[in-house]
Amino acid sequence: MNTMIFRNAQVLAPRGFERGLDVRVDNGRITAVAPDIRADDAAIIDLEDGLLVPGFIDTQVNGGGDVLLNDTSTVAGVRRIAEAHRKFGTTGLMPTLISDDVSVMRAAIIAVHDAIEQKVPGVLGIHLEGPWLAEARKGVHDPHKFHTPDASELDLVASLGNGATMVTLAPERFAPEALHALAERGVLVCAGHTAATYEQLRDAFTAGVRGVTHLFNAMTPMGSRAPGGVGASIDDPDSWCGIIVDGYHVDDAPLRIAIAAKPRGKMMLVTDAMPPVGGEREDFTLYGIPMTCRDGRCATTEGALAGSALDMASAVRNTVQRLGLPLDEACRMASQYPAEFLRLGDELGKIAPGYLADLVWLDRDLNVRGTWIGGK
């Protein structure tokens, strides 16, 4: 059937959670949100007094289902990653390539392009995290991959054509004109793994940097006399900040402070997920180096963080339970706000007429009971 009616749930409508609303979907798009919708030809989806929220959108997904994008830069690899995250309510994601050679970047861009052409559910574009980063804030990235791009590489980065392209870079390595040129070509430029000062990052925002990758991690910290990159990110009213709420990457207190200080709508949940999410193995390799996930923490054998074992449903739960935010706001941080960051806010991230039927059914414990992408 092409018509579906979701009922018997608290629906996250634009005003907040509301009871007594049905959601009608025709041919993959929401056509009505109202009480007691009737349609003789509709399939009725009874949500058993659960919660119906917009599908989660994750802008930083390195892997999932035992697949790392760097190692499997193919349509099959992208498909497997998307499938692994779907069970956790992620209906849209940006497969993320960790710093690598240009040949691997090219293969990943082609794979994501072809995945979108083949309508692999949930693939919204690509996130290139590096290799234009600061060695002083390298994290788990291989600094031997770092370099300054030439014109042909910048052309490659802007070549996807059929989806969003997000690039994480150290803006202090670029002239403002270069940042502006990337942004003018439609690339979503984000600061991350950066040694930028407060002043350098504020100038980068002016030049076209749109957001910040994993706020607090791999960037200059905020001090009383040197606000650093963290201070610039929180102080800037227009940029978006991704945060990893897993209890390992950042203490809960600074996350609460940053959320309170930043304008509403500019903080979004990300996972920084690695292959064990939705997979069967706790161990994986990055650059051929063994990594392990124990108790939800992914790390090198020396203990350095290496992405996360977080999924978006857990990120929402943690935002409510650890940070004390209302559930409706936590859900917006996982759906509406990343959609707006990706310039997709007109069709993703809300349960409202005209929007794609990317939906998640949660039970009262915030476990995922069902996920729909375009009504499927």
Protein backbone atom coordinates (compact mmCIF):
# COMPACT_ATOMS: atom_id res chain seq x y z
CA MET A 1 0.00 0.00 0.00
CA ASN A 2 1.11 3.58 -0.66
CA THR A 3 -0.91 5.09 2.21
CA MET A 4 -0.04 4.52 5.88
CA ILE A 5 -1.49 5.96 9.06
CA PHE A 6 0.58 5.92 12.25
CA ARG A 7 -1.55 6.13 15.38
CA ASN A 8 -1.67 5.53 19.11
CA ALA A 9 1.56 7.37 19.96
CA GLN A 10 2.85 10.60 21.39
CA VAL A 11 4.02 12.43 18.28
CA LEU A 12 6.91 14.90 18.32
CA ALA A 13 5.14 17.67 16.43
CA PRO A 14 6.74 21.12 15.96
CA ARG A 15 5.19 22.30 19.26
CA GLY A 16 6.45 19.29 21.21
CA PHE A 17 5.07 15.86 22.07
CA GLU A 18 1.32 15.65 21.50
CA ARG A 19 -1.19 12.90 22.17
CA GLY A 20 -4.16 12.09 19.97
CA LEU A 21 -2.46 12.81 16.65
CA ASP A 22 -2.36 10.48 13.68
CA VAL A 23 0.30 10.79 10.99
CA ARG A 24 -0.70 10.03 7.41
CA VAL A 25 1.96 9.08 4.86
CA ASP A 26 1.32 8.92 1.12
CA ASN A 27 4.01 7.63 -1.24
CA GLY A 28 6.76 8.16 1.31
CA ARG A 29 5.85 11.69 2.38
CA ILE A 30 3.86 12.98 5.34
CA THR A 31 0.57 14.48 4.12
CA ALA A 32 -1.32 15.09 7.36
CA VAL A 33 -0.78 15.28 11.12
CA ALA A 34 -4.17 15.53 12.82
CA PRO A 35 -6.57 13.71 15.15
CA ASP A 36 -8.51 10.70 13.92
CA ILE A 37 -7.40 10.56 10.29
CA ARG A 38 -9.48 8.16 8.20
CA ALA A 39 -8.59 6.47 4.91
CA ASP A 40 -10.17 3.27 3.68
CA ASP A 41 -7.10 2.20 1.71
CA ALA A 42 -4.51 2.93 4.41
CA ALA A 43 -2.29 0.50 6.28
CA ILE A 44 -2.71 1.25 10.00
CA ILE A 45 0.47 1.20 12.10
CA ASP A 46 -0.39 0.89 15.82
CA LEU A 47 2.50 2.28 17.87
CA GLU A 48 1.18 0.86 21.15
CA ASP A 49 1.24 4.13 23.11
CA GLY A 50 4.90 4.68 22.28
CA LEU A 51 6.68 7.72 20.87
CA LEU A 52 6.94 8.74 17.23
CA VAL A 53 9.89 11.04 16.49
CA PRO A 54 11.68 12.26 13.36
CA GLY A 55 14.39 9.95 12.07
CA PHE A 56 17.84 10.55 13.53
CA ILE A 57 20.50 12.15 11.32
CA ASP A 58 24.17 11.44 12.11
CA THR A 59 26.80 13.57 10.40
CA GLN A 60 29.80 11.56 11.64
CA VAL A 61 29.72 7.80 10.99
CA ASN A 62 33.10 6.20 10.40
CA GLY A 63 31.71 2.70 10.32
CA GLY A 64 29.20 0.16 11.54
CA GLY A 65 28.25 -3.47 11.05
CA ASP A 66 31.95 -4.45 11.32
CA VAL A 67 32.79 -2.19 8.35
CA LEU A 68 35.09 0.86 8.33
CA LEU A 69 34.61 3.21 5.38
CA ASN A 70 38.40 3.63 4.97
CA ASP A 71 38.81 -0.10 4.43
CA THR A 72 35.64 -0.73 2.40
CA SER A 73 35.11 2.31 0.19
CA THR A 74 32.48 0.59 -1.95
CA VAL A 75 28.71 0.79 -2.37
CA ALA A 76 28.46 -2.49 -0.48
CA GLY A 77 30.45 -1.01 2.40
CA VAL A 78 28.32 2.14 2.51
CA ARG A 79 25.16 0.03 2.39
CA ARG A 80 26.33 -2.15 5.27
CA ILE A 81 27.17 0.88 7.44
CA ALA A 82 23.76 2.43 6.80
CA GLU A 83 21.96 -0.85 7.54
CA ALA A 84 23.83 -1.26 10.82
CA HIS A 85 22.80 2.17 12.09
CA ARG A 86 19.18 1.92 10.95
CA LYS A 87 18.26 -0.38 13.81
CA PHE A 88 19.22 2.47 16.19
CA GLY A 89 16.89 4.98 14.56
CA THR A 90 19.38 6.56 12.16
CA THR A 91 17.46 7.31 8.97
CA GLY A 92 20.07 9.66 7.49
CA LEU A 93 23.84 9.63 7.80
CA MET A 94 27.08 10.99 6.41
CA PRO A 95 29.57 8.12 5.94
CA THR A 96 32.83 9.53 7.27
CA LEU A 97 36.32 8.94 5.91
CA ILE A 98 39.14 9.33 8.41
CA SER A 99 42.32 10.99 7.05
CA ASP A 100 43.69 8.89 4.21
CA ASP A 101 45.42 9.02 0.83
CA VAL A 102 43.85 10.89 -2.07
CA SER A 103 43.16 7.61 -3.85
CA VAL A 104 41.08 6.41 -0.89
CA MET A 105 39.26 9.76 -0.77
CA ARG A 106 38.40 9.40 -4.45
CA ALA A 107 37.14 5.83 -3.96
CA ALA A 108 34.98 6.88 -1.00
CA ILE A 109 33.45 9.80 -2.90
CA ILE A 110 32.64 7.54 -5.85
CA ALA A 111 31.15 4.90 -3.53
CA VAL A 112 28.89 7.43 -1.80
CA HIS A 113 27.89 8.98 -5.14
CA ASP A 114 26.94 5.57 -6.51
CA ALA A 115 25.14 4.61 -3.29
CA ILE A 116 22.97 7.71 -3.58
CA GLU A 117 22.35 6.99 -7.28
CA GLN A 118 21.28 3.47 -6.34
CA LYS A 119 19.02 4.91 -3.62
CA VAL A 120 20.71 3.14 -0.73
CA PRO A 121 18.37 4.15 2.12
CA GLY A 122 19.66 6.83 4.48
CA VAL A 123 22.81 7.96 2.67
CA LEU A 124 22.82 11.77 2.56
CA GLY A 125 26.38 12.50 1.43
CA ILE A 126 29.97 12.14 2.59
CA HIS A 127 32.04 13.54 5.44
CA LEU A 128 35.78 13.83 4.83
CA GLU A 129 37.40 14.17 8.26
CA GLY A 130 40.89 15.19 7.21
CA PRO A 131 43.51 14.89 5.90
CA TRP A 132 43.98 18.68 6.27
CA LEU A 133 44.38 18.63 10.03
CA ALA A 134 46.78 19.93 12.68
CA GLU A 135 49.36 17.42 13.83
CA ALA A 136 49.24 18.88 17.34
CA ARG A 137 45.58 17.83 17.57
CA LYS A 138 45.75 14.66 15.48
CA GLY A 139 43.87 12.34 17.84
CA VAL A 140 43.90 8.86 16.32
CA HIS A 141 44.44 10.17 12.77
CA ASP A 142 47.70 9.22 11.04
CA PRO A 143 49.73 12.45 10.67
CA HIS A 144 51.62 10.91 7.74
CA LYS A 145 48.40 11.38 5.76
CA PHE A 146 48.27 15.13 6.51
CA HIS A 147 49.15 17.53 3.71
CA THR A 148 48.17 20.76 2.03
CA PRO A 149 45.69 20.24 -0.81
CA ASP A 150 46.31 21.43 -4.35
CA ALA A 151 43.62 22.71 -6.73
CA SER A 152 42.85 19.25 -8.13
CA GLU A 153 42.22 17.88 -4.64
CA LEU A 154 39.87 20.75 -3.84
CA ASP A 155 38.03 19.95 -7.07
CA LEU A 156 37.78 16.31 -5.98
CA VAL A 157 36.32 17.27 -2.59
CA ALA A 158 33.58 19.33 -4.27
CA SER A 159 32.80 16.65 -6.89
CA LEU A 160 30.09 14.52 -5.21
CA GLY A 161 27.27 16.27 -7.02
CA ASN A 162 24.27 14.33 -5.71
CA GLY A 163 24.49 14.73 -1.93
CA ALA A 164 25.97 16.84 0.84
CA THR A 165 29.73 17.10 1.27
CA MET A 166 31.12 17.90 4.70
CA VAL A 167 34.83 18.50 5.28
CA THR A 168 36.56 18.69 8.64
CA LEU A 169 39.82 20.65 8.53
CA ALA A 170 42.16 22.76 10.65
CA PRO A 171 41.21 26.26 9.45
CA GLU A 172 44.47 27.83 10.60
CA ARG A 173 46.15 25.95 7.75
CA PHE A 174 44.09 27.83 5.15
CA ALA A 175 43.82 31.40 3.95
CA PRO A 176 40.35 32.86 4.54
CA GLU A 177 39.92 33.09 0.76
CA ALA A 178 40.40 29.33 0.41
CA LEU A 179 37.82 28.58 3.11
CA HIS A 180 35.40 30.97 1.45
CA ALA A 181 35.96 29.35 -1.95
CA LEU A 182 35.17 25.87 -0.56
CA ALA A 183 32.02 27.16 1.12
CA GLU A 184 30.95 28.91 -2.08
CA ARG A 185 31.12 25.56 -3.88
CA GLY A 186 28.56 24.16 -1.46
CA VAL A 187 30.96 22.27 0.80
CA LEU A 188 29.98 22.24 4.48
CA VAL A 189 33.28 23.28 6.03
CA CYS A 190 33.84 22.37 9.69
CA ALA A 191 36.70 23.01 12.07
CA GLY A 192 38.15 20.01 13.83
CA HIS A 193 41.46 18.50 14.90
CA THR A 194 42.60 22.09 15.04
CA ALA A 195 45.17 24.12 16.96
CA ALA A 196 43.40 27.38 16.05
CA THR A 197 43.31 30.18 18.56
CA TYR A 198 40.09 31.94 19.48
CA GLU A 199 40.88 34.71 16.98
CA GLN A 200 41.80 32.31 14.17
CA LEU A 201 38.61 30.31 14.53
CA ARG A 202 36.41 33.41 14.74
CA ASP A 203 38.00 34.61 11.50
CA ALA A 204 37.34 31.18 9.97
CA PHE A 205 33.65 31.40 10.86
CA THR A 206 33.54 34.76 9.10
CA ALA A 207 35.24 33.18 6.07
CA GLY A 208 32.62 30.46 5.72
CA VAL A 209 33.31 27.68 8.25
CA ARG A 210 29.82 26.40 9.10
CA GLY A 211 30.38 24.12 12.08
CA VAL A 212 32.64 22.35 14.53
CA THR A 213 33.37 18.63 14.58
CA HIS A 214 33.12 16.96 18.02
CA LEU A 215 33.25 20.08 20.20
CA PHE A 216 35.89 19.92 22.99
CA ASN A 217 37.76 17.00 21.40
CA ALA A 218 40.98 17.56 19.43
CA MET A 219 40.88 21.36 19.64
CA THR A 220 42.39 24.11 21.75
CA PRO A 221 40.64 24.24 25.14
CA MET A 222 38.98 27.23 26.72
CA GLY A 223 40.97 29.05 29.38
CA SER A 224 40.30 32.20 31.37
CA ARG A 225 42.79 34.26 29.33
CA ALA A 226 42.98 32.19 26.16
CA PRO A 227 39.44 31.17 25.10
CA GLY A 228 40.82 28.88 22.38
CA GLY A 229 38.87 27.05 19.74
CA VAL A 230 36.34 25.79 22.29
CA GLY A 231 35.61 29.33 23.42
CA ALA A 232 35.24 30.58 19.84
CA SER A 233 32.87 27.72 19.00
CA ILE A 234 30.60 28.37 21.96
CA ASP A 235 30.77 32.15 21.52
CA ASP A 236 29.85 32.14 17.83
CA PRO A 237 26.04 32.32 17.49
CA ASP A 238 25.75 31.05 13.92
CA SER A 239 27.86 27.89 13.76
CA TRP A 240 26.69 24.35 14.53
CA CYS A 241 28.56 22.11 16.98
CA GLY A 242 28.55 18.33 16.98
CA ILE A 243 28.85 16.68 20.39
CA ILE A 244 29.54 13.07 21.40
CA VAL A 245 27.48 12.27 24.50
CA ASP A 246 28.93 8.92 25.52
CA GLY A 247 30.47 9.69 28.91
CA TYR A 248 33.98 9.15 27.53
CA HIS A 249 34.71 11.95 25.07
CA VAL A 250 33.55 14.84 27.25
CA ASP A 251 32.48 15.19 30.85
CA ASP A 252 28.77 15.90 31.28
CA ALA A 253 29.28 19.30 32.96
CA PRO A 254 31.03 21.10 30.07
CA LEU A 255 28.46 19.66 27.68
CA ARG A 256 25.63 21.12 29.78
CA ILE A 257 27.44 24.47 29.94
CA ALA A 258 28.00 24.58 26.17
CA ILE A 259 24.40 23.64 25.39
CA ALA A 260 23.14 26.34 27.74
CA ALA A 261 25.45 28.97 26.25
CA LYS A 262 24.90 28.20 22.57
CA PRO A 263 21.77 29.46 20.78
CA ARG A 264 19.06 26.82 20.63
CA GLY A 265 19.24 24.77 17.45
CA LYS A 266 23.00 24.92 17.02
CA MET A 267 24.03 21.82 18.98
CA MET A 268 23.63 18.43 17.29
CA LEU A 269 24.29 14.89 18.43
CA VAL A 270 26.83 12.78 16.54
CA THR A 271 28.20 9.32 17.23
CA ASP A 272 31.71 9.22 15.68
CA ALA A 273 30.79 5.54 15.36
CA MET A 274 33.28 2.81 14.56
CA PRO A 275 32.71 -0.70 13.06
CA PRO A 276 31.48 -2.41 16.27
CA VAL A 277 28.23 -0.38 16.23
CA GLY A 278 25.61 -2.80 14.94
CA GLY A 279 28.31 -5.39 14.35
CA GLU A 280 29.36 -8.67 15.93
CA ARG A 281 33.00 -7.93 16.78
CA GLU A 282 34.43 -5.67 19.47
CA ASP A 283 37.81 -5.34 17.77
CA PHE A 284 38.79 -3.64 14.51
CA THR A 285 41.80 -2.07 12.87
CA LEU A 286 42.52 1.48 11.75
CA TYR A 287 45.57 2.04 9.53
CA GLY A 288 46.35 -1.61 10.29
CA ILE A 289 46.59 -0.85 14.03
CA PRO A 290 44.44 -2.91 16.44
CA MET A 291 41.61 -1.07 18.21
CA THR A 292 39.27 -2.42 20.85
CA CYS A 293 35.83 -1.51 22.20
CA ARG A 294 35.19 -2.32 25.85
CA ASP A 295 32.20 -1.13 27.85
CA GLY A 296 31.26 1.22 25.02
CA ARG A 297 34.72 2.81 24.78
CA CYS A 298 36.78 2.44 21.57
CA ALA A 299 40.50 2.94 22.04
CA THR A 300 43.99 2.03 20.91
CA THR A 301 45.95 -0.49 22.92
CA GLU A 302 47.58 2.50 24.63
CA GLY A 303 44.18 3.79 25.72
CA ALA A 304 43.73 6.74 23.33
CA LEU A 305 40.15 7.25 22.16
CA ALA A 306 39.49 5.96 18.64
CA GLY A 307 35.99 7.05 17.66
CA SER A 308 33.13 5.55 19.63
CA ALA A 309 30.79 2.61 20.06
CA LEU A 310 27.86 5.03 20.37
CA ASP A 311 24.62 4.81 18.41
CA MET A 312 22.10 7.63 17.98
CA ALA A 313 19.39 6.09 20.16
CA SER A 314 21.91 5.84 22.99
CA ALA A 315 23.05 9.41 22.32
CA VAL A 316 19.45 10.59 22.75
CA ARG A 317 19.02 8.57 25.95
CA ASN A 318 22.31 9.90 27.34
CA THR A 319 21.32 13.47 26.55
CA VAL A 320 18.16 13.01 28.61
CA GLN A 321 19.55 10.86 31.41
CA ARG A 322 23.07 12.27 31.79
CA LEU A 323 22.62 15.89 30.73
CA GLY A 324 19.06 16.38 31.96
CA LEU A 325 17.63 17.81 28.74
CA PRO A 326 13.95 17.34 27.86
CA LEU A 327 13.31 14.43 25.52
CA ASP A 328 11.83 16.61 22.79
CA GLU A 329 14.97 18.76 22.68
CA ALA A 330 17.26 15.71 22.70
CA CYS A 331 15.32 14.35 19.71
CA ARG A 332 15.62 17.66 17.86
CA MET A 333 19.38 17.58 18.47
CA ALA A 334 19.37 14.19 16.73
CA SER A 335 17.08 15.13 13.84
CA GLN A 336 15.95 18.70 13.16
CA TYR A 337 19.20 20.48 13.96
CA PRO A 338 21.51 18.23 11.92
CA ALA A 339 19.00 18.44 9.04
CA GLU A 340 19.23 22.22 9.18
CA PHE A 341 23.02 22.06 9.33
CA LEU A 342 23.01 19.92 6.17
CA ARG A 343 20.62 22.40 4.47
CA LEU A 344 17.98 19.67 4.37
CA GLY A 345 15.66 21.21 6.94
CA ASP A 346 12.86 21.70 4.43
CA GLU A 347 12.25 17.98 4.04
CA LEU A 348 13.99 16.15 6.91
CA GLY A 349 13.99 16.42 10.69
CA LYS A 350 10.32 17.13 11.45
CA ILE A 351 6.99 15.34 11.55
CA ALA A 352 4.92 17.76 9.51
CA PRO A 353 3.06 17.78 6.18
CA GLY A 354 5.39 17.88 3.21
CA TYR A 355 8.31 16.19 5.00
CA LEU A 356 9.74 12.82 4.06
CA ALA A 357 8.41 10.01 6.22
CA ASP A 358 11.71 9.31 7.98
CA LEU A 359 10.37 8.19 11.34
CA VAL A 360 11.39 6.35 14.50
CA TRP A 361 9.13 4.51 16.92
CA LEU A 362 10.49 4.52 20.48
CA ASP A 363 9.11 2.77 23.53
CA ARG A 364 8.93 4.43 26.93
CA ASP A 365 12.50 3.33 27.72
CA LEU A 366 13.63 5.04 24.50
CA ASN A 367 14.48 1.78 22.78
CA VAL A 368 13.91 1.69 19.02
CA ARG A 369 10.91 -0.42 18.02
CA GLY A 370 10.76 0.56 14.35
CA THR A 371 12.42 2.76 11.76
CA TRP A 372 11.01 4.04 8.45
CA ILE A 373 12.92 5.79 5.67
CA GLY A 374 10.64 7.41 3.12
CA GLY A 375 7.78 5.39 4.56
CA LYS A 376 9.59 2.06 4.11
